[in-house]
Amino acid sequence: MNDELRAKKKGKGDLDIVKNPDRTCPGKIEVPTEKETEALGAMKSIKEHVRVLKSRLASLDASGREEDANEILTKENELAQLKVDWNRWEEKRKAAARERMIILGHEEGPI
């Protein structure tokens, strides 16, 4: 067994990065990246809007008034659109995270 594995097995923790420079991340990159931050901000905004809409829908449903049917339908359509927007931003966030991992050398593939 080599010395590095022996050190880990004895509970001495991770290997010294100075001794193993190939285990470090190349360059400095902001985490989360600007693209990830943008996506996360948009997703947070969507989530807040969804909470407001769901609260309003709950009060409309509780009222049981027929006059509220159009507003309920409108709010449900807004929720459906927000779900589409959420999924779009989630894909952008995942792509940005993958791009970061490739830049850092933790994953392989085209950016």
Protein backbone atom coordinates (compact mmCIF):
# COMPACT_ATOMS: atom_id res chain seq x y z
CA MET A 1 0.00 0.00 0.00
CA ASN A 2 1.43 3.41 -0.88
CA ASP A 3 2.07 6.08 1.76
CA GLU A 4 -0.81 8.27 0.62
CA LEU A 5 -3.42 5.54 1.04
CA ARG A 6 -1.87 4.45 4.33
CA ALA A 7 -2.15 8.03 5.66
CA LYS A 8 -5.82 8.16 4.71
CA LYS A 9 -6.57 4.79 6.28
CA LYS A 10 -4.98 5.89 9.55
CA GLY A 11 -7.43 8.79 9.68
CA LYS A 12 -4.96 11.52 8.96
CA GLY A 13 -7.44 13.22 6.64
CA ASP A 14 -6.93 14.54 3.17
CA LEU A 15 -3.59 14.60 1.49
CA ASP A 16 -1.57 17.78 1.63
CA ILE A 17 -2.45 19.81 -1.47
CA VAL A 18 1.04 21.29 -1.54
CA LYS A 19 2.45 17.77 -2.02
CA ASN A 20 -0.20 16.98 -4.65
CA PRO A 21 -0.71 20.10 -6.79
CA ASP A 22 -2.66 18.07 -9.35
CA ARG A 23 -5.51 17.87 -6.79
CA THR A 24 -6.07 21.64 -6.77
CA CYS A 25 -8.51 23.59 -8.91
CA PRO A 26 -6.81 25.47 -11.76
CA GLY A 27 -7.20 29.24 -11.61
CA LYS A 28 -9.63 31.16 -9.49
CA ILE A 29 -13.29 31.16 -10.32
CA GLU A 30 -16.14 32.72 -8.42
CA VAL A 31 -18.52 30.18 -6.95
CA PRO A 32 -21.35 30.40 -7.73
CA THR A 33 -20.55 31.91 -11.10
CA GLU A 34 -22.28 34.99 -12.44
CA LYS A 35 -24.48 32.80 -14.64
CA GLU A 36 -25.42 30.58 -11.70
CA THR A 37 -26.17 33.64 -9.56
CA GLU A 38 -28.40 35.07 -12.29
CA ALA A 39 -30.33 31.80 -12.58
CA LEU A 40 -30.65 31.40 -8.81
CA GLY A 41 -31.91 34.98 -8.50
CA ALA A 42 -34.53 34.41 -11.17
CA MET A 43 -35.59 31.15 -9.53
CA LYS A 44 -35.91 32.87 -6.16
CA SER A 45 -38.09 35.56 -7.71
CA ILE A 46 -40.29 32.94 -9.36
CA LYS A 47 -40.63 31.06 -6.07
CA GLU A 48 -41.76 34.23 -4.26
CA HIS A 49 -44.30 34.95 -7.00
CA VAL A 50 -45.60 31.37 -6.81
CA ARG A 51 -46.12 31.71 -3.04
CA VAL A 52 -48.20 34.87 -3.55
CA LEU A 53 -50.26 33.23 -6.30
CA LYS A 54 -50.87 30.07 -4.29
CA SER A 55 -51.95 32.11 -1.29
CA ARG A 56 -54.38 34.08 -3.44
CA LEU A 57 -55.70 30.88 -5.02
CA ALA A 58 -56.26 29.36 -1.60
CA SER A 59 -58.32 32.36 -0.50
CA LEU A 60 -60.29 32.34 -3.76
CA ASP A 61 -61.00 28.62 -3.40
CA ALA A 62 -62.08 29.10 0.19
CA SER A 63 -64.53 31.83 -0.78
CA GLY A 64 -66.42 29.45 -3.08
CA ARG A 65 -67.84 32.38 -5.03
CA GLU A 66 -68.62 31.74 -8.68
CA GLU A 67 -67.54 35.25 -9.58
CA ASP A 68 -63.97 34.27 -8.72
CA ALA A 69 -63.81 31.54 -11.40
CA ASN A 70 -62.13 33.79 -13.99
CA GLU A 71 -59.52 35.01 -11.52
CA ILE A 72 -58.84 31.42 -10.43
CA LEU A 73 -58.31 30.38 -14.03
CA THR A 74 -56.01 33.36 -14.62
CA LYS A 75 -53.94 32.54 -11.52
CA GLU A 76 -53.69 28.88 -12.52
CA ASN A 77 -52.45 29.91 -15.98
CA GLU A 78 -49.89 32.20 -14.36
CA LEU A 79 -48.70 29.29 -12.21
CA ALA A 80 -48.36 27.09 -15.29
CA GLN A 81 -46.26 29.77 -17.02
CA LEU A 82 -44.11 30.19 -13.91
CA LYS A 83 -43.45 26.46 -13.92
CA VAL A 84 -42.23 26.71 -17.52
CA ASP A 85 -40.03 29.67 -16.57
CA TRP A 86 -38.71 27.78 -13.52
CA ASN A 87 -37.75 24.77 -15.65
CA ARG A 88 -35.99 27.03 -18.17
CA TRP A 89 -33.96 28.73 -15.42
CA GLU A 90 -33.21 25.37 -13.78
CA GLU A 91 -31.70 24.14 -17.04
CA LYS A 92 -29.63 27.33 -17.31
CA ARG A 93 -28.45 26.87 -13.72
CA LYS A 94 -27.45 23.27 -14.38
CA ALA A 95 -25.60 24.26 -17.56
CA ALA A 96 -23.75 27.02 -15.71
CA ALA A 97 -22.79 24.62 -12.91
CA ARG A 98 -21.52 22.09 -15.45
CA GLU A 99 -19.55 24.81 -17.23
CA ARG A 100 -17.94 25.76 -13.90
CA MET A 101 -17.04 22.16 -13.15
CA ILE A 102 -15.44 21.78 -16.59
CA ILE A 103 -13.45 25.01 -16.15
CA LEU A 104 -12.28 23.80 -12.74
CA GLY A 105 -11.26 20.47 -14.24
CA HIS A 106 -13.69 18.37 -12.19
CA GLU A 107 -15.62 17.22 -15.27
CA GLU A 108 -14.68 16.69 -18.89
CA GLY A 109 -16.51 17.81 -21.97
CA PRO A 110 -17.25 20.81 -24.12
CA ILE A 111 -18.42 23.96 -22.39
